[in-house]
Amino acid sequence: MPLRQTAAAQGGAPAPLLEVVDVTMRFGGIVALDGVTFSVADGRIAGLIGPNGAGKTTLFNCLSRLYRPAHGDIRLNGRSLNDCAPSAIAALGIGRTFQSPTLFDSLSVLDNVKIGGHSRGRNGPLADAFTFPGSRREEHELDRAARAMLAFVELDGAAARPAASLTFAQRKRVELARALATRPSLVLLDEPAGGLNQEEVAQLGALIRSIRDQLATTVLLVEHHMGLVMSLSDQVVVLNFGRVIADGTPEAVRGVPAVSEAYLGTRH
């Protein structure tokens, strides 16, 4: 049986920031997500795990509105995202990274991060073209915020370097800084530990905790590195064949037989 953890069972947890309600996604005759339901409280780190093909990335694409579910609702702070365009998601408070960092190699590290901040800018293209005072003020604020996020991920010394000169681990940190430059209430991390060595994974874990503790940002991460997920997460949601088979604390999820079966296969 799926394990469910209510707010009361978690000792009076904060109100949900993210609510995923009966989300179903189909690709032709294939059901990629089948009635997925869970919530993530404000100020938590939640891990979304499952075998390959379980529907994790599909769900992330629904959360960032790259896909529109066939059924169900996704709410952020009680607001439905069903009618939101992908371009509006950052302004509503969701940041995202991808499995492979997508940077503009010809631009500086700083400019790559500033691109994230521009998604929440208030000035339109006319103000930018004529450098109105409001546009100059906003650009100054974007520069300040981008530098702060680069310092947060410990790459402030690389601000002027071209992105093409970075290592893979550094590229991941720049993409994370760009996502955080949007000042999100929720950040989606898609396999942040992929391609990193043991030392880099340990540093990443400390950084993700700092996102929650210092930036007061809720984290939902898809990750195959079980040691990282279980050590970081306040909550773990397990998908298998597009369905939630467990949802609770790391300790509780470890004890669910369906989770072992999904990862290891049923023993005969």
Protein backbone atom coordinates (compact mmCIF):
# COMPACT_ATOMS: atom_id res chain seq x y z
CA MET A 1 0.00 0.00 0.00
CA PRO A 2 1.23 3.54 -0.75
CA LEU A 3 2.50 5.39 2.29
CA ARG A 4 0.88 8.78 2.93
CA GLN A 5 2.06 11.41 5.35
CA THR A 6 -0.39 14.14 6.30
CA ALA A 7 0.66 17.51 7.70
CA ALA A 8 -0.65 16.49 11.09
CA ALA A 9 1.37 13.27 10.97
CA GLN A 10 4.49 15.29 10.31
CA GLY A 11 4.01 17.22 13.53
CA GLY A 12 2.17 20.32 12.35
CA ALA A 13 4.06 20.96 9.12
CA PRO A 14 3.66 24.32 7.35
CA ALA A 15 0.94 24.80 4.78
CA PRO A 16 1.68 23.34 1.33
CA LEU A 17 3.60 25.54 -1.07
CA LEU A 18 3.21 23.09 -3.95
CA GLU A 19 0.15 20.89 -4.49
CA VAL A 20 0.04 18.28 -7.25
CA VAL A 21 -3.52 16.97 -7.50
CA ASP A 22 -4.49 13.91 -9.57
CA VAL A 23 -2.15 14.87 -12.43
CA THR A 24 -2.41 12.59 -15.46
CA MET A 25 -0.28 12.89 -18.59
CA ARG A 26 -0.61 10.79 -21.73
CA PHE A 27 1.49 10.49 -24.85
CA GLY A 28 -0.78 8.76 -27.31
CA GLY A 29 -1.72 5.47 -25.69
CA ILE A 30 1.07 5.67 -23.09
CA VAL A 31 0.13 6.92 -19.62
CA ALA A 32 3.25 8.69 -18.33
CA LEU A 33 1.61 10.04 -15.15
CA ASP A 34 -1.40 8.35 -13.61
CA GLY A 35 -3.25 10.41 -11.00
CA VAL A 36 -0.12 11.75 -9.30
CA THR A 37 -0.98 13.49 -6.03
CA PHE A 38 1.32 14.91 -3.36
CA SER A 39 2.17 18.22 -1.72
CA VAL A 40 5.38 19.90 -0.55
CA ALA A 41 5.32 22.20 2.45
CA ASP A 42 6.99 25.59 2.39
CA GLY A 43 10.61 25.49 3.52
CA ARG A 44 11.17 21.80 2.79
CA ILE A 45 13.59 19.83 0.65
CA ALA A 46 11.65 17.12 -1.16
CA GLY A 47 13.19 14.34 -3.21
CA LEU A 48 11.34 12.88 -6.19
CA ILE A 49 12.75 9.46 -6.99
CA GLY A 50 11.91 6.37 -8.99
CA PRO A 51 13.34 4.00 -11.60
CA ASN A 52 14.08 5.18 -15.13
CA GLY A 53 10.82 5.78 -16.96
CA ALA A 54 8.85 6.35 -13.75
CA GLY A 55 7.65 9.79 -14.89
CA LYS A 56 9.89 12.10 -12.90
CA THR A 57 11.05 14.36 -15.75
CA THR A 58 7.54 14.32 -17.23
CA LEU A 59 6.23 15.65 -13.93
CA PHE A 60 8.94 18.34 -13.85
CA ASN A 61 7.89 19.37 -17.36
CA CYS A 62 4.30 19.63 -16.14
CA LEU A 63 5.38 21.74 -13.17
CA SER A 64 7.27 24.14 -15.45
CA ARG A 65 4.39 24.07 -17.97
CA LEU A 66 6.39 22.62 -20.82
CA TYR A 67 3.68 19.95 -20.81
CA ARG A 68 -0.02 20.43 -20.12
CA PRO A 69 -1.53 17.51 -18.20
CA ALA A 70 -4.58 15.75 -19.59
CA HIS A 71 -6.16 15.88 -16.14
CA GLY A 72 -5.55 17.28 -12.67
CA ASP A 73 -4.25 20.48 -11.17
CA ILE A 74 -0.94 21.95 -10.00
CA ARG A 75 -1.10 24.76 -7.46
CA LEU A 76 1.60 27.07 -6.12
CA ASN A 77 0.62 28.96 -2.98
CA GLY A 78 -2.96 27.95 -3.72
CA ARG A 79 -2.92 29.34 -7.27
CA SER A 80 -3.61 26.95 -10.13
CA LEU A 81 -0.93 26.87 -12.81
CA ASN A 82 -3.12 25.15 -15.39
CA ASP A 83 -3.62 28.26 -17.50
CA CYS A 84 -0.11 29.67 -17.07
CA ALA A 85 2.23 29.95 -20.04
CA PRO A 86 5.76 28.54 -19.65
CA SER A 87 7.13 32.09 -19.97
CA ALA A 88 5.14 33.16 -16.87
CA ILE A 89 6.37 30.43 -14.55
CA ALA A 90 9.54 32.22 -13.36
CA ALA A 91 7.57 35.35 -12.51
CA LEU A 92 5.16 33.23 -10.46
CA GLY A 93 8.00 31.86 -8.34
CA ILE A 94 9.34 28.65 -9.90
CA GLY A 95 12.96 28.24 -10.96
CA ARG A 96 14.40 25.18 -12.68
CA THR A 97 17.65 23.53 -13.67
CA PHE A 98 18.03 20.74 -16.23
CA GLN A 99 19.95 17.47 -16.37
CA SER A 100 22.50 19.00 -18.76
CA PRO A 101 23.43 22.63 -18.08
CA THR A 102 22.17 24.93 -20.86
CA LEU A 103 24.37 28.02 -20.89
CA PHE A 104 25.21 30.62 -23.53
CA ASP A 105 28.87 29.78 -24.05
CA SER A 106 29.75 33.06 -25.77
CA LEU A 107 28.39 35.14 -22.88
CA SER A 108 30.11 35.81 -19.59
CA VAL A 109 29.16 33.85 -16.48
CA LEU A 110 27.59 37.00 -15.04
CA ASP A 111 25.46 37.62 -18.13
CA ASN A 112 24.26 34.03 -18.10
CA VAL A 113 22.99 34.50 -14.56
CA LYS A 114 21.44 37.89 -15.35
CA ILE A 115 19.32 36.24 -18.04
CA GLY A 116 17.49 34.46 -15.24
CA GLY A 117 16.75 37.71 -13.45
CA HIS A 118 15.39 39.29 -16.62
CA SER A 119 12.50 36.81 -16.57
CA ARG A 120 11.09 38.75 -13.60
CA GLY A 121 11.88 42.19 -14.99
CA ARG A 122 9.20 44.86 -15.05
CA ASN A 123 10.43 47.02 -17.94
CA GLY A 124 9.46 46.29 -21.50
CA PRO A 125 11.62 46.40 -24.65
CA LEU A 126 10.84 50.11 -25.28
CA ALA A 127 12.19 51.15 -21.89
CA ASP A 128 15.28 48.99 -22.43
CA ALA A 129 15.88 50.38 -25.91
CA PHE A 130 15.84 54.00 -24.73
CA THR A 131 17.54 53.28 -21.37
CA PHE A 132 14.89 55.08 -19.35
CA PRO A 133 15.77 55.73 -15.68
CA GLY A 134 13.55 52.84 -14.59
CA SER A 135 15.35 50.54 -16.99
CA ARG A 136 18.75 51.61 -15.64
CA ARG A 137 17.62 51.02 -12.07
CA GLU A 138 16.31 47.58 -12.95
CA GLU A 139 19.53 46.65 -14.76
CA HIS A 140 21.53 47.71 -11.71
CA GLU A 141 19.33 45.54 -9.50
CA LEU A 142 19.68 42.58 -11.88
CA ASP A 143 23.46 42.98 -11.82
CA ARG A 144 23.48 43.13 -8.02
CA ALA A 145 21.22 40.07 -7.68
CA ALA A 146 23.24 38.06 -10.22
CA ARG A 147 26.51 38.81 -8.45
CA ALA A 148 24.93 37.83 -5.13
CA MET A 149 23.85 34.47 -6.53
CA LEU A 150 27.29 33.87 -8.04
CA ALA A 151 28.78 34.53 -4.61
CA PHE A 152 26.23 32.16 -3.11
CA VAL A 153 27.38 29.31 -5.40
CA GLU A 154 31.03 30.36 -4.82
CA LEU A 155 31.72 31.46 -8.39
CA ASP A 156 31.87 35.23 -7.95
CA GLY A 157 35.50 35.17 -9.03
CA ALA A 158 34.45 33.76 -12.41
CA ALA A 159 31.87 36.47 -13.23
CA ALA A 160 33.79 37.89 -16.21
CA ARG A 161 34.86 34.55 -17.69
CA PRO A 162 33.11 33.16 -20.75
CA ALA A 163 30.80 30.28 -19.87
CA ALA A 164 32.62 28.10 -22.41
CA SER A 165 35.69 28.06 -20.13
CA LEU A 166 33.93 26.42 -17.17
CA THR A 167 34.17 22.84 -15.96
CA PHE A 168 31.03 20.70 -15.99
CA ALA A 169 30.55 21.12 -12.23
CA GLN A 170 30.96 24.90 -12.54
CA ARG A 171 28.42 25.00 -15.39
CA LYS A 172 25.92 23.27 -13.13
CA ARG A 173 26.51 25.88 -10.44
CA VAL A 174 26.04 28.73 -12.91
CA GLU A 175 22.75 27.24 -14.06
CA LEU A 176 21.70 26.94 -10.42
CA ALA A 177 22.65 30.59 -9.80
CA ARG A 178 20.58 31.58 -12.84
CA ALA A 179 17.54 29.71 -11.50
CA LEU A 180 17.97 31.34 -8.09
CA ALA A 181 18.36 34.81 -9.64
CA THR A 182 14.62 34.69 -10.41
CA ARG A 183 14.04 34.78 -6.62
CA PRO A 184 11.87 31.65 -6.71
CA SER A 185 9.79 30.34 -3.84
CA LEU A 186 10.27 26.85 -5.34
CA VAL A 187 13.30 25.60 -7.27
CA LEU A 188 13.18 22.38 -9.31
CA LEU A 189 16.54 20.61 -9.54
CA ASP A 190 16.70 17.95 -12.26
CA GLU A 191 19.49 15.46 -11.43
CA PRO A 192 21.87 18.07 -9.96
CA ALA A 193 24.42 15.42 -8.96
CA GLY A 194 24.62 13.83 -12.41
CA GLY A 195 28.22 13.77 -13.69
CA LEU A 196 29.74 14.99 -10.42
CA ASN A 197 32.45 13.23 -8.44
CA GLN A 198 32.13 12.29 -4.77
CA GLU A 199 33.64 15.52 -3.46
CA GLU A 200 31.46 17.63 -5.76
CA VAL A 201 28.34 15.74 -4.65
CA ALA A 202 29.17 16.49 -1.00
CA GLN A 203 29.58 20.18 -1.85
CA LEU A 204 26.30 20.11 -3.74
CA GLY A 205 24.51 18.70 -0.71
CA ALA A 206 25.73 21.56 1.46
CA LEU A 207 24.69 24.04 -1.21
CA ILE A 208 21.16 22.64 -1.47
CA ARG A 209 20.76 22.88 2.30
CA SER A 210 21.87 26.51 2.08
CA ILE A 211 19.20 27.18 -0.57
CA ARG A 212 16.59 26.12 1.96
CA ASP A 213 18.16 27.58 5.09
CA GLN A 214 19.71 30.84 3.83
CA LEU A 215 17.49 31.72 0.87
CA ALA A 216 14.26 30.34 2.38
CA THR A 217 13.57 28.57 -0.90
CA THR A 218 11.69 25.28 -1.11
CA VAL A 219 13.50 22.58 -3.12
CA LEU A 220 12.09 19.71 -5.17
CA LEU A 221 14.81 17.55 -6.70
CA VAL A 222 14.85 14.60 -9.05
CA GLU A 223 17.96 12.58 -8.34
CA HIS A 224 19.34 9.04 -8.78
CA HIS A 225 22.03 9.51 -6.12
CA MET A 226 20.15 7.86 -3.24
CA GLY A 227 22.71 8.77 -0.62
CA LEU A 228 22.28 12.45 -1.46
CA VAL A 229 18.48 12.29 -1.57
CA MET A 230 18.08 10.42 1.69
CA SER A 231 20.55 12.60 3.58
CA LEU A 232 19.07 15.88 2.34
CA SER A 233 15.35 15.41 2.05
CA ASP A 234 12.66 16.20 4.59
CA GLN A 235 10.24 14.32 2.35
CA VAL A 236 10.64 11.69 -0.36
CA VAL A 237 8.05 10.98 -3.07
CA VAL A 238 8.53 7.76 -5.04
CA LEU A 239 7.11 7.27 -8.53
CA ASN A 240 6.85 4.00 -10.41
CA PHE A 241 5.13 3.58 -13.77
CA GLY A 242 3.67 7.08 -13.39
CA ARG A 243 2.09 6.47 -9.98
CA VAL A 244 3.02 7.57 -6.46
CA ILE A 245 3.91 4.43 -4.52
CA ALA A 246 5.31 6.12 -1.40
CA ASP A 247 5.35 9.60 0.13
CA GLY A 248 6.86 10.36 3.51
CA THR A 249 10.07 10.87 5.43
CA PRO A 250 13.22 9.15 4.14
CA GLU A 251 13.09 6.73 7.06
CA ALA A 252 9.47 5.78 6.38
CA VAL A 253 9.94 5.45 2.63
CA ARG A 254 12.88 3.07 3.09
CA GLY A 255 10.55 0.64 4.83
CA VAL A 256 7.91 0.46 2.08
CA PRO A 257 8.17 -2.92 0.29
CA ALA A 258 6.89 -1.46 -2.99
CA VAL A 259 9.91 0.87 -3.08
CA SER A 260 12.38 -2.01 -2.83
CA GLU A 261 10.45 -3.91 -5.47
CA ALA A 262 10.47 -0.93 -7.85
CA TYR A 263 14.25 -0.57 -7.58
CA LEU A 264 15.35 -4.16 -7.10
CA GLY A 265 12.54 -6.26 -8.57
CA THR A 266 10.35 -8.71 -6.71
CA ARG A 267 12.27 -11.57 -5.10
CA HIS A 268 11.04 -15.09 -5.80
